[in-house]
Amino acid sequence: MKVYEGDTLLLQVEPVENCYFKWDLYSDLLVDFSTSPGNALNDEAYFVDDVCERTEVYVVWRKPGIYFFRVSVIDLLGCTNNLELGIVEVLSTNQRIVTNENSLFIPEGFSPNGDGIHDYFQMVSIEKYPEAHLYIFDRVGNKIFDKNNYGNVEFWGSFEQAWWNGESYRNKKVPLGNYLYILDTGMGGQIKGFVMVLY
């Protein structure tokens, strides 16, 4: 989702009986979201009235950038499960989005089922970023895959080795669903979003 600096955004989840919730905000995007507490500073983003343990919370986004939020559910025994991970892009109030035919295109999904059609997480014009590094996270923030020189066929020697084929570090196909990606362009920028893996 996208908001502008200074905006207040409502984040909410469905209640779970006999449980309470804990929200965290992140500006450092390469931490382990599954175990690390929120690290966004108050001059970047903050919870209204410091309320961060309800099903509904309000967040004021103060500084342009890419942020993540995590909501965890805690039961009466104190057991914690990470329920959801989301991304928020905060735009400057005078920011304008400019696109052109040479822009990097990142698909919203792919289907690594071996049928020869969209079997890889392939990005158009990635050759402009030969030192790009891709990170993939599951819905609770565990890093399940990363690859340097992403999409650089010349570096890897083959098309199959250059792209993500839907496998985790364990060389097993990931379950169907949405996965968070962070693409470090290798040129001082980062691109973040979600990709759907279908079969």
N, C-alpha and C. Protein backbone atom coordinates (compact mmCIF):
# COMPACT_ATOMS: atom_id res chain seq x y z
N MET A 1 0.84 -1.19 0.00
CA MET A 1 0.00 0.00 0.00
C MET A 1 0.88 1.25 0.00
N LYS A 2 0.33 2.34 -0.50
CA LYS A 2 1.08 3.59 -0.58
C LYS A 2 0.34 4.69 0.16
N VAL A 3 1.10 5.51 0.88
CA VAL A 3 0.57 6.68 1.56
C VAL A 3 1.55 7.82 1.37
N TYR A 4 1.15 9.02 1.76
CA TYR A 4 2.04 10.17 1.71
C TYR A 4 2.53 10.53 3.12
N GLU A 5 3.70 11.16 3.17
CA GLU A 5 4.24 11.55 4.47
C GLU A 5 3.23 12.43 5.20
N GLY A 6 3.07 12.15 6.49
CA GLY A 6 2.09 12.88 7.29
C GLY A 6 0.75 12.20 7.38
N ASP A 7 0.49 11.19 6.52
CA ASP A 7 -0.78 10.47 6.54
C ASP A 7 -0.88 9.57 7.77
N THR A 8 -2.11 9.34 8.20
CA THR A 8 -2.40 8.36 9.25
C THR A 8 -3.12 7.18 8.61
N LEU A 9 -2.63 5.98 8.87
CA LEU A 9 -3.17 4.78 8.22
C LEU A 9 -3.70 3.82 9.28
N LEU A 10 -4.90 3.28 9.04
CA LEU A 10 -5.47 2.26 9.91
C LEU A 10 -4.98 0.88 9.47
N LEU A 11 -4.42 0.12 10.42
CA LEU A 11 -4.05 -1.27 10.20
C LEU A 11 -4.93 -2.13 11.09
N GLN A 12 -5.46 -3.21 10.54
CA GLN A 12 -6.37 -4.02 11.35
C GLN A 12 -6.33 -5.49 10.94
N VAL A 13 -6.69 -6.34 11.90
CA VAL A 13 -6.82 -7.78 11.67
C VAL A 13 -8.09 -8.25 12.37
N GLU A 14 -8.54 -9.46 12.01
CA GLU A 14 -9.71 -10.03 12.65
C GLU A 14 -9.35 -10.50 14.07
N PRO A 15 -10.25 -10.29 15.03
CA PRO A 15 -9.99 -10.76 16.40
C PRO A 15 -9.84 -12.28 16.46
N VAL A 16 -9.05 -12.76 17.42
CA VAL A 16 -8.90 -14.18 17.71
C VAL A 16 -9.24 -14.38 19.18
N GLU A 17 -10.13 -15.29 19.47
CA GLU A 17 -10.61 -15.49 20.84
C GLU A 17 -9.47 -15.85 21.79
N ASN A 18 -9.48 -15.20 22.96
CA ASN A 18 -8.50 -15.44 24.02
C ASN A 18 -7.07 -15.13 23.61
N CYS A 19 -6.92 -14.18 22.70
CA CYS A 19 -5.58 -13.75 22.26
C CYS A 19 -5.53 -12.25 22.18
N TYR A 20 -4.31 -11.71 22.26
CA TYR A 20 -4.12 -10.29 21.99
C TYR A 20 -3.03 -10.14 20.93
N PHE A 21 -2.86 -8.92 20.45
CA PHE A 21 -2.01 -8.69 19.29
C PHE A 21 -0.90 -7.70 19.61
N LYS A 22 0.20 -7.83 18.90
CA LYS A 22 1.33 -6.91 19.04
C LYS A 22 1.79 -6.52 17.65
N TRP A 23 1.80 -5.22 17.38
CA TRP A 23 2.23 -4.69 16.08
C TRP A 23 3.64 -4.15 16.19
N ASP A 24 4.43 -4.32 15.12
CA ASP A 24 5.78 -3.76 15.04
C ASP A 24 5.96 -3.08 13.69
N LEU A 25 6.74 -2.00 13.69
CA LEU A 25 7.05 -1.25 12.48
C LEU A 25 8.55 -1.34 12.22
N TYR A 26 8.91 -1.51 10.92
CA TYR A 26 10.32 -1.69 10.55
C TYR A 26 10.71 -0.70 9.45
N SER A 27 11.88 -0.11 9.62
CA SER A 27 12.48 0.69 8.55
C SER A 27 13.78 0.05 8.06
N ASP A 28 14.39 -0.80 8.89
CA ASP A 28 15.54 -1.59 8.45
C ASP A 28 14.98 -2.86 7.84
N LEU A 29 15.10 -3.01 6.52
CA LEU A 29 14.37 -4.04 5.81
C LEU A 29 15.08 -5.37 5.71
N LEU A 30 16.30 -5.45 6.20
CA LEU A 30 17.06 -6.69 6.07
C LEU A 30 17.21 -7.43 7.39
N VAL A 31 16.42 -7.05 8.40
CA VAL A 31 16.45 -7.79 9.66
C VAL A 31 15.63 -9.06 9.51
N ASP A 32 15.74 -9.94 10.48
CA ASP A 32 14.92 -11.14 10.52
C ASP A 32 13.57 -10.75 11.12
N PHE A 33 12.55 -10.58 10.27
CA PHE A 33 11.26 -10.11 10.75
C PHE A 33 10.61 -11.09 11.72
N SER A 34 10.98 -12.36 11.64
CA SER A 34 10.33 -13.36 12.49
C SER A 34 10.77 -13.25 13.95
N THR A 35 11.93 -12.65 14.21
CA THR A 35 12.45 -12.60 15.58
C THR A 35 12.80 -11.21 16.06
N SER A 36 13.00 -10.26 15.17
CA SER A 36 13.47 -8.93 15.56
C SER A 36 12.30 -8.02 15.91
N PRO A 37 12.43 -7.22 16.98
CA PRO A 37 11.38 -6.24 17.31
C PRO A 37 11.40 -5.10 16.31
N GLY A 38 10.34 -4.32 16.30
CA GLY A 38 10.26 -3.19 15.38
C GLY A 38 11.41 -2.22 15.57
N ASN A 39 11.87 -1.61 14.48
CA ASN A 39 13.03 -0.73 14.58
C ASN A 39 12.79 0.66 13.97
N ALA A 40 11.55 0.96 13.56
CA ALA A 40 11.28 2.28 13.01
C ALA A 40 11.38 3.34 14.11
N LEU A 41 12.02 4.44 13.80
CA LEU A 41 12.18 5.53 14.75
C LEU A 41 10.94 6.42 14.75
N ASN A 42 10.75 7.17 15.82
CA ASN A 42 9.57 8.02 15.93
C ASN A 42 9.51 9.11 14.87
N ASP A 43 10.67 9.52 14.34
CA ASP A 43 10.63 10.52 13.29
C ASP A 43 10.38 9.89 11.92
N GLU A 44 10.21 8.55 11.88
CA GLU A 44 9.88 7.84 10.65
C GLU A 44 8.41 7.42 10.64
N ALA A 45 7.98 6.77 11.72
CA ALA A 45 6.60 6.30 11.84
C ALA A 45 6.33 5.98 13.30
N TYR A 46 5.08 6.20 13.73
CA TYR A 46 4.75 5.87 15.12
C TYR A 46 3.27 5.53 15.25
N PHE A 47 2.95 4.79 16.32
CA PHE A 47 1.57 4.44 16.62
C PHE A 47 0.89 5.60 17.34
N VAL A 48 -0.31 5.94 16.93
CA VAL A 48 -1.07 7.00 17.58
C VAL A 48 -1.34 6.60 19.03
N ASP A 49 -1.04 7.50 19.96
CA ASP A 49 -1.22 7.27 21.40
C ASP A 49 -0.44 6.06 21.90
N ASP A 50 0.60 5.65 21.15
CA ASP A 50 1.43 4.51 21.52
C ASP A 50 0.63 3.21 21.64
N VAL A 51 -0.51 3.15 20.98
CA VAL A 51 -1.34 1.95 21.02
C VAL A 51 -0.88 0.99 19.93
N CYS A 52 -0.36 -0.18 20.34
CA CYS A 52 0.14 -1.14 19.36
C CYS A 52 -0.23 -2.57 19.73
N GLU A 53 -1.22 -2.73 20.62
CA GLU A 53 -1.60 -4.08 21.07
C GLU A 53 -3.10 -4.30 20.95
N ARG A 54 -3.67 -3.87 19.86
CA ARG A 54 -5.09 -4.08 19.58
C ARG A 54 -5.25 -4.68 18.19
N THR A 55 -6.50 -5.06 17.87
CA THR A 55 -6.76 -5.56 16.52
C THR A 55 -6.72 -4.42 15.51
N GLU A 56 -6.97 -3.19 15.97
CA GLU A 56 -6.91 -2.02 15.10
C GLU A 56 -5.93 -1.01 15.68
N VAL A 57 -4.99 -0.55 14.87
CA VAL A 57 -4.04 0.47 15.30
C VAL A 57 -3.93 1.54 14.21
N TYR A 58 -3.58 2.73 14.62
CA TYR A 58 -3.37 3.83 13.69
C TYR A 58 -1.90 4.21 13.70
N VAL A 59 -1.35 4.39 12.50
CA VAL A 59 0.07 4.72 12.37
C VAL A 59 0.22 6.02 11.59
N VAL A 60 1.04 6.91 12.11
CA VAL A 60 1.40 8.14 11.40
C VAL A 60 2.74 7.92 10.72
N TRP A 61 2.74 8.14 9.41
CA TRP A 61 3.96 7.94 8.60
C TRP A 61 4.59 9.30 8.35
N ARG A 62 5.76 9.53 8.91
CA ARG A 62 6.34 10.86 8.93
C ARG A 62 7.43 11.10 7.91
N LYS A 63 8.05 10.03 7.43
CA LYS A 63 9.23 10.19 6.58
C LYS A 63 9.11 9.28 5.36
N PRO A 64 9.35 9.80 4.15
CA PRO A 64 9.28 8.96 2.95
C PRO A 64 10.22 7.77 3.02
N GLY A 65 9.80 6.66 2.46
CA GLY A 65 10.62 5.46 2.44
C GLY A 65 9.76 4.22 2.35
N ILE A 66 10.40 3.07 2.48
CA ILE A 66 9.72 1.78 2.47
C ILE A 66 9.74 1.22 3.88
N TYR A 67 8.58 0.81 4.36
CA TYR A 67 8.44 0.28 5.71
C TYR A 67 7.70 -1.05 5.66
N PHE A 68 7.91 -1.83 6.71
CA PHE A 68 7.15 -3.05 6.88
C PHE A 68 6.46 -3.03 8.23
N PHE A 69 5.32 -3.68 8.31
CA PHE A 69 4.68 -3.88 9.60
C PHE A 69 4.48 -5.38 9.81
N ARG A 70 4.54 -5.78 11.07
CA ARG A 70 4.28 -7.16 11.44
C ARG A 70 3.27 -7.16 12.58
N VAL A 71 2.30 -8.06 12.51
CA VAL A 71 1.38 -8.23 13.62
C VAL A 71 1.51 -9.65 14.12
N SER A 72 1.70 -9.79 15.42
CA SER A 72 1.83 -11.10 16.06
C SER A 72 0.63 -11.32 16.97
N VAL A 73 0.23 -12.57 17.10
CA VAL A 73 -0.87 -12.94 17.98
C VAL A 73 -0.30 -13.73 19.16
N ILE A 74 -0.70 -13.35 20.37
CA ILE A 74 -0.19 -13.97 21.60
C ILE A 74 -1.36 -14.59 22.35
N ASP A 75 -1.26 -15.88 22.69
CA ASP A 75 -2.36 -16.53 23.39
C ASP A 75 -2.19 -16.40 24.91
N LEU A 76 -3.11 -16.99 25.67
CA LEU A 76 -3.11 -16.84 27.12
C LEU A 76 -1.89 -17.49 27.78
N LEU A 77 -1.24 -18.41 27.08
CA LEU A 77 -0.05 -19.05 27.62
C LEU A 77 1.22 -18.29 27.27
N GLY A 78 1.05 -17.19 26.52
CA GLY A 78 2.21 -16.39 26.12
C GLY A 78 2.90 -16.86 24.87
N CYS A 79 2.29 -17.83 24.17
CA CYS A 79 2.87 -18.31 22.92
C CYS A 79 2.59 -17.31 21.80
N THR A 80 3.61 -17.02 21.02
CA THR A 80 3.51 -16.00 19.98
C THR A 80 3.60 -16.61 18.59
N ASN A 81 2.72 -16.16 17.71
CA ASN A 81 2.79 -16.54 16.30
C ASN A 81 2.72 -15.27 15.46
N ASN A 82 3.60 -15.19 14.47
CA ASN A 82 3.55 -14.05 13.56
C ASN A 82 2.39 -14.26 12.59
N LEU A 83 1.43 -13.33 12.62
CA LEU A 83 0.19 -13.50 11.88
C LEU A 83 0.26 -12.94 10.47
N GLU A 84 0.91 -11.80 10.33
CA GLU A 84 0.90 -11.14 9.03
C GLU A 84 2.09 -10.19 8.91
N LEU A 85 2.60 -10.06 7.69
CA LEU A 85 3.66 -9.12 7.36
C LEU A 85 3.20 -8.30 6.18
N GLY A 86 3.36 -6.98 6.26
CA GLY A 86 2.90 -6.11 5.18
C GLY A 86 3.92 -5.04 4.86
N ILE A 87 3.72 -4.39 3.73
CA ILE A 87 4.64 -3.37 3.24
C ILE A 87 3.88 -2.07 3.01
N VAL A 88 4.52 -0.97 3.38
CA VAL A 88 3.95 0.37 3.17
C VAL A 88 5.01 1.24 2.52
N GLU A 89 4.65 1.86 1.40
CA GLU A 89 5.54 2.83 0.76
C GLU A 89 5.04 4.23 1.08
N VAL A 90 5.90 5.01 1.72
CA VAL A 90 5.54 6.38 2.09
C VAL A 90 6.17 7.33 1.08
N LEU A 91 5.33 8.06 0.37
CA LEU A 91 5.77 8.97 -0.67
C LEU A 91 5.89 10.38 -0.13
N SER A 92 6.83 11.12 -0.68
CA SER A 92 6.92 12.55 -0.38
C SER A 92 5.70 13.26 -0.93
N THR A 93 5.27 14.31 -0.27
CA THR A 93 4.07 15.02 -0.72
C THR A 93 4.25 15.65 -2.09
N ASN A 94 5.47 15.88 -2.50
CA ASN A 94 5.69 16.45 -3.83
C ASN A 94 6.24 15.42 -4.82
N GLN A 95 6.15 14.13 -4.42
CA GLN A 95 6.69 13.08 -5.27
C GLN A 95 5.72 12.76 -6.40
N ARG A 96 6.26 12.54 -7.57
CA ARG A 96 5.45 12.14 -8.70
C ARG A 96 6.06 10.87 -9.29
N ILE A 97 5.22 9.95 -9.69
CA ILE A 97 5.70 8.69 -10.26
C ILE A 97 5.82 8.85 -11.76
N VAL A 98 7.00 8.60 -12.29
CA VAL A 98 7.24 8.71 -13.72
C VAL A 98 7.60 7.33 -14.25
N THR A 99 6.91 6.89 -15.28
CA THR A 99 7.22 5.60 -15.88
C THR A 99 7.61 5.80 -17.33
N ASN A 100 8.36 4.87 -17.88
CA ASN A 100 8.73 4.91 -19.28
C ASN A 100 8.96 3.48 -19.76
N GLU A 101 9.15 3.33 -21.05
CA GLU A 101 9.24 2.00 -21.63
C GLU A 101 10.49 1.26 -21.19
N ASN A 102 11.46 1.97 -20.61
CA ASN A 102 12.70 1.33 -20.17
C ASN A 102 12.68 0.94 -18.70
N SER A 103 11.55 1.14 -18.01
CA SER A 103 11.48 0.84 -16.60
C SER A 103 11.62 -0.66 -16.35
N LEU A 104 12.18 -1.01 -15.19
CA LEU A 104 12.26 -2.39 -14.77
C LEU A 104 10.85 -2.91 -14.51
N PHE A 105 10.50 -4.05 -15.11
CA PHE A 105 9.19 -4.65 -14.90
C PHE A 105 9.34 -5.89 -14.05
N ILE A 106 8.61 -5.93 -12.92
CA ILE A 106 8.63 -7.07 -12.02
C ILE A 106 7.24 -7.67 -12.00
N PRO A 107 7.08 -8.93 -12.39
CA PRO A 107 5.74 -9.53 -12.44
C PRO A 107 5.15 -9.72 -11.05
N GLU A 108 3.84 -9.77 -10.97
CA GLU A 108 3.15 -9.95 -9.70
C GLU A 108 3.05 -11.42 -9.31
N GLY A 109 3.42 -12.32 -10.24
CA GLY A 109 3.37 -13.74 -9.92
C GLY A 109 4.05 -14.58 -10.97
N PHE A 110 4.29 -15.84 -10.65
CA PHE A 110 4.83 -16.80 -11.62
C PHE A 110 4.41 -18.20 -11.16
N SER A 111 4.57 -19.16 -12.05
CA SER A 111 4.07 -20.52 -11.76
C SER A 111 5.15 -21.56 -12.06
N PRO A 112 5.99 -21.86 -11.09
CA PRO A 112 7.11 -22.80 -11.30
C PRO A 112 6.68 -24.26 -11.28
N ASN A 113 5.80 -24.63 -12.22
CA ASN A 113 5.26 -25.98 -12.24
C ASN A 113 5.88 -26.86 -13.33
N GLY A 114 6.91 -26.32 -14.02
CA GLY A 114 7.62 -27.13 -15.00
C GLY A 114 6.97 -27.24 -16.36
N ASP A 115 5.95 -26.40 -16.62
CA ASP A 115 5.29 -26.49 -17.92
C ASP A 115 5.96 -25.62 -18.99
N GLY A 116 7.06 -24.95 -18.60
CA GLY A 116 7.79 -24.12 -19.56
C GLY A 116 7.21 -22.73 -19.74
N ILE A 117 6.17 -22.38 -18.97
CA ILE A 117 5.54 -21.06 -19.08
C ILE A 117 5.61 -20.37 -17.72
N HIS A 118 6.31 -19.25 -17.66
CA HIS A 118 6.45 -18.47 -16.42
C HIS A 118 6.94 -19.33 -15.25
N ASP A 119 7.94 -20.16 -15.51
CA ASP A 119 8.48 -21.04 -14.47
C ASP A 119 9.46 -20.33 -13.54
N TYR A 120 9.86 -19.10 -13.91
CA TYR A 120 10.86 -18.38 -13.12
C TYR A 120 10.36 -16.97 -12.80
N PHE A 121 10.88 -16.44 -11.70
CA PHE A 121 10.58 -15.06 -11.29
C PHE A 121 11.48 -14.15 -12.11
N GLN A 122 11.07 -13.93 -13.36
CA GLN A 122 11.89 -13.24 -14.35
C GLN A 122 11.48 -11.76 -14.44
N MET A 123 12.45 -10.88 -14.42
CA MET A 123 12.21 -9.44 -14.46
C MET A 123 12.71 -8.85 -15.77
N VAL A 124 11.90 -8.05 -16.40
CA VAL A 124 12.26 -7.43 -17.67
C VAL A 124 13.16 -6.22 -17.42
N SER A 125 14.23 -6.11 -18.16
CA SER A 125 15.23 -5.03 -18.08
C SER A 125 16.13 -5.14 -16.86
N ILE A 126 16.20 -6.33 -16.23
CA ILE A 126 17.09 -6.52 -15.09
C ILE A 126 18.55 -6.40 -15.51
N GLU A 127 18.82 -6.51 -16.81
CA GLU A 127 20.21 -6.41 -17.27
C GLU A 127 20.83 -5.05 -16.98
N LYS A 128 19.99 -4.06 -16.69
CA LYS A 128 20.51 -2.74 -16.31
C LYS A 128 21.13 -2.76 -14.91
N TYR A 129 20.86 -3.84 -14.17
CA TYR A 129 21.33 -3.95 -12.79
C TYR A 129 22.09 -5.27 -12.62
N PRO A 130 23.27 -5.38 -13.22
CA PRO A 130 24.00 -6.67 -13.23
C PRO A 130 24.43 -7.15 -11.85
N GLU A 131 24.47 -6.25 -10.86
CA GLU A 131 24.88 -6.65 -9.51
C GLU A 131 23.70 -6.67 -8.55
N ALA A 132 22.49 -6.76 -9.08
CA ALA A 132 21.29 -6.80 -8.24
C ALA A 132 21.30 -8.03 -7.33
N HIS A 133 20.73 -7.87 -6.14
CA HIS A 133 20.64 -8.98 -5.18
C HIS A 133 19.18 -9.11 -4.76
N LEU A 134 18.63 -10.31 -4.92
CA LEU A 134 17.23 -10.55 -4.58
C LEU A 134 17.12 -11.31 -3.27
N TYR A 135 16.19 -10.84 -2.40
CA TYR A 135 15.88 -11.52 -1.15
C TYR A 135 14.39 -11.88 -1.17
N ILE A 136 14.06 -13.09 -0.72
CA ILE A 136 12.67 -13.55 -0.65
C ILE A 136 12.36 -13.93 0.79
N PHE A 137 11.19 -13.46 1.28
CA PHE A 137 10.75 -13.76 2.65
C PHE A 137 9.36 -14.38 2.60
N ASP A 138 9.08 -15.27 3.55
CA ASP A 138 7.72 -15.81 3.64
C ASP A 138 6.84 -14.83 4.40
N ARG A 139 5.56 -15.19 4.61
CA ARG A 139 4.59 -14.24 5.14
C ARG A 139 4.84 -13.85 6.59
N VAL A 140 5.65 -14.61 7.32
CA VAL A 140 5.95 -14.25 8.70
C VAL A 140 7.36 -13.66 8.84
N GLY A 141 8.05 -13.46 7.72
CA GLY A 141 9.32 -12.74 7.76
C GLY A 141 10.57 -13.58 7.72
N ASN A 142 10.44 -14.90 7.55
CA ASN A 142 11.64 -15.74 7.43
C ASN A 142 12.24 -15.60 6.04
N LYS A 143 13.55 -15.36 5.97
CA LYS A 143 14.21 -15.31 4.67
C LYS A 143 14.37 -16.73 4.15
N ILE A 144 13.81 -16.99 2.97
CA ILE A 144 13.81 -18.35 2.44
C ILE A 144 14.68 -18.49 1.20
N PHE A 145 15.13 -17.36 0.64
CA PHE A 145 15.94 -17.43 -0.59
C PHE A 145 16.63 -16.09 -0.78
N ASP A 146 17.84 -16.13 -1.30
CA ASP A 146 18.47 -14.89 -1.79
C ASP A 146 19.46 -15.26 -2.88
N LYS A 147 19.73 -14.32 -3.76
CA LYS A 147 20.64 -14.58 -4.88
C LYS A 147 21.29 -13.29 -5.31
N ASN A 148 22.62 -13.30 -5.38
CA ASN A 148 23.36 -12.15 -5.89
C ASN A 148 23.38 -12.19 -7.42
N ASN A 149 23.69 -11.05 -8.03
CA ASN A 149 23.74 -10.94 -9.50
C ASN A 149 22.47 -11.53 -10.12
N TYR A 150 21.34 -11.15 -9.54
CA TYR A 150 20.07 -11.76 -9.93
C TYR A 150 19.72 -11.46 -11.38
N GLY A 151 19.36 -12.50 -12.10
CA GLY A 151 18.97 -12.36 -13.50
C GLY A 151 20.13 -12.15 -14.45
N ASN A 152 21.36 -12.18 -13.95
CA ASN A 152 22.54 -11.94 -14.76
C ASN A 152 22.99 -13.28 -15.37
N VAL A 153 22.45 -13.59 -16.55
CA VAL A 153 22.73 -14.87 -17.20
C VAL A 153 24.21 -15.02 -17.52
N GLU A 154 24.85 -13.92 -17.89
CA GLU A 154 26.28 -13.98 -18.20
C GLU A 154 27.08 -14.39 -16.98
N PHE A 155 26.70 -13.89 -15.81
CA PHE A 155 27.40 -14.23 -14.57
C PHE A 155 27.16 -15.69 -14.18
N TRP A 156 25.90 -16.13 -14.25
CA TRP A 156 25.54 -17.46 -13.77
C TRP A 156 25.75 -18.56 -14.82
N GLY A 157 25.81 -18.18 -16.09
CA GLY A 157 26.10 -19.15 -17.12
C GLY A 157 24.91 -19.85 -17.74
N SER A 158 23.72 -19.67 -17.15
CA SER A 158 22.52 -20.27 -17.73
C SER A 158 21.29 -19.52 -17.25
N PHE A 159 20.26 -19.59 -18.04
CA PHE A 159 18.99 -18.95 -17.70
C PHE A 159 18.42 -19.53 -16.41
N GLU A 160 18.49 -20.86 -16.27
CA GLU A 160 17.91 -21.53 -15.12
C GLU A 160 18.58 -21.13 -13.81
N GLN A 161 19.89 -20.89 -13.86
CA GLN A 161 20.62 -20.53 -12.64
C GLN A 161 20.45 -19.06 -12.26
N ALA A 162 20.04 -18.24 -13.20
CA ALA A 162 20.01 -16.80 -12.97
C ALA A 162 18.76 -16.32 -12.23
N TRP A 163 17.67 -17.12 -12.27
CA TRP A 163 16.39 -16.67 -11.74
C TRP A 163 15.93 -17.56 -10.58
N TRP A 164 14.98 -17.05 -9.79
CA TRP A 164 14.37 -17.85 -8.74
C TRP A 164 13.34 -18.79 -9.35
N ASN A 165 13.43 -20.07 -9.01
CA ASN A 165 12.53 -21.08 -9.56
C ASN A 165 11.48 -21.54 -8.56
N GLY A 166 11.31 -20.76 -7.49
CA GLY A 166 10.30 -21.10 -6.50
C GLY A 166 10.76 -22.05 -5.42
N GLU A 167 12.07 -22.34 -5.37
CA GLU A 167 12.59 -23.23 -4.34
C GLU A 167 13.21 -22.42 -3.20
N SER A 168 13.13 -22.98 -2.00
CA SER A 168 13.74 -22.37 -0.83
C SER A 168 15.19 -22.84 -0.70
N TYR A 169 15.83 -22.43 0.39
CA TYR A 169 17.21 -22.87 0.64
C TYR A 169 17.30 -24.39 0.70
N ARG A 170 16.20 -25.05 1.05
CA ARG A 170 16.21 -26.50 1.19
C ARG A 170 15.98 -27.22 -0.14
N ASN A 171 15.98 -26.46 -1.23
CA ASN A 171 15.78 -27.02 -2.57
C ASN A 171 14.41 -27.70 -2.72
N LYS A 172 13.43 -27.15 -1.98
CA LYS A 172 12.06 -27.64 -2.10
C LYS A 172 11.17 -26.49 -2.56
N LYS A 173 10.17 -26.82 -3.38
CA LYS A 173 9.25 -25.80 -3.84
C LYS A 173 8.50 -25.20 -2.65
N VAL A 174 8.36 -23.87 -2.65
CA VAL A 174 7.62 -23.21 -1.58
C VAL A 174 6.12 -23.42 -1.79
N PRO A 175 5.32 -23.34 -0.74
CA PRO A 175 3.87 -23.49 -0.89
C PRO A 175 3.28 -22.34 -1.71
N LEU A 176 2.13 -22.58 -2.30
CA LEU A 176 1.40 -21.55 -3.00
C LEU A 176 1.14 -20.38 -2.06
N GLY A 177 1.28 -19.15 -2.55
CA GLY A 177 1.00 -17.99 -1.73
C GLY A 177 1.80 -16.77 -2.13
N ASN A 178 1.64 -15.70 -1.36
CA ASN A 178 2.36 -14.45 -1.59
C ASN A 178 3.67 -14.44 -0.81
N TYR A 179 4.72 -13.92 -1.45
CA TYR A 179 6.03 -13.83 -0.82
C TYR A 179 6.58 -12.41 -0.99
N LEU A 180 7.18 -11.93 0.07
CA LEU A 180 7.79 -10.61 0.05
C LEU A 180 9.15 -10.68 -0.63
N TYR A 181 9.41 -9.75 -1.55
CA TYR A 181 10.74 -9.68 -2.15
C TYR A 181 11.36 -8.31 -1.91
N ILE A 182 12.66 -8.30 -1.79
CA ILE A 182 13.45 -7.06 -1.75
C ILE A 182 14.53 -7.22 -2.80
N LEU A 183 14.54 -6.31 -3.76
CA LEU A 183 15.57 -6.32 -4.80
C LEU A 183 16.50 -5.14 -4.57
N ASP A 184 17.71 -5.45 -4.13
CA ASP A 184 18.76 -4.44 -4.01
C ASP A 184 19.37 -4.29 -5.40
N THR A 185 19.23 -3.13 -5.99
CA THR A 185 19.65 -2.96 -7.39
C THR A 185 21.16 -2.98 -7.57
N GLY A 186 21.91 -2.83 -6.48
CA GLY A 186 23.35 -2.75 -6.59
C GLY A 186 23.83 -1.39 -7.06
N MET A 187 22.86 -0.45 -7.17
CA MET A 187 23.19 0.90 -7.61
C MET A 187 22.64 1.93 -6.62
N GLY A 188 22.51 1.50 -5.35
CA GLY A 188 22.07 2.42 -4.31
C GLY A 188 20.57 2.48 -4.10
N GLY A 189 19.82 1.61 -4.74
CA GLY A 189 18.37 1.63 -4.57
C GLY A 189 17.83 0.26 -4.22
N GLN A 190 16.59 0.24 -3.71
CA GLN A 190 15.91 -1.00 -3.39
C GLN A 190 14.48 -0.95 -3.90
N ILE A 191 13.99 -2.10 -4.35
CA ILE A 191 12.61 -2.24 -4.81
C ILE A 191 12.00 -3.36 -4.00
N LYS A 192 10.80 -3.10 -3.43
CA LYS A 192 10.15 -4.10 -2.59
C LYS A 192 8.72 -4.32 -3.04
N GLY A 193 8.24 -5.51 -2.80
CA GLY A 193 6.86 -5.82 -3.15
C GLY A 193 6.54 -7.26 -2.83
N PHE A 194 5.42 -7.74 -3.36
CA PHE A 194 5.01 -9.11 -3.13
C PHE A 194 4.86 -9.83 -4.47
N VAL A 195 5.20 -11.10 -4.49
CA VAL A 195 5.03 -11.93 -5.68
C VAL A 195 4.23 -13.16 -5.30
N MET A 196 3.27 -13.52 -6.14
CA MET A 196 2.44 -14.69 -5.92
C MET A 196 3.05 -15.90 -6.61
N VAL A 197 3.22 -16.98 -5.86
CA VAL A 197 3.68 -18.25 -6.43
C VAL A 197 2.45 -19.13 -6.64
N LEU A 198 2.23 -19.53 -7.88
CA LEU A 198 1.08 -20.36 -8.24
C LEU A 198 1.56 -21.67 -8.85
N TYR A 199 0.72 -22.68 -8.80
CA TYR A 199 1.06 -23.97 -9.40
C TYR A 199 -0.10 -24.45 -10.28
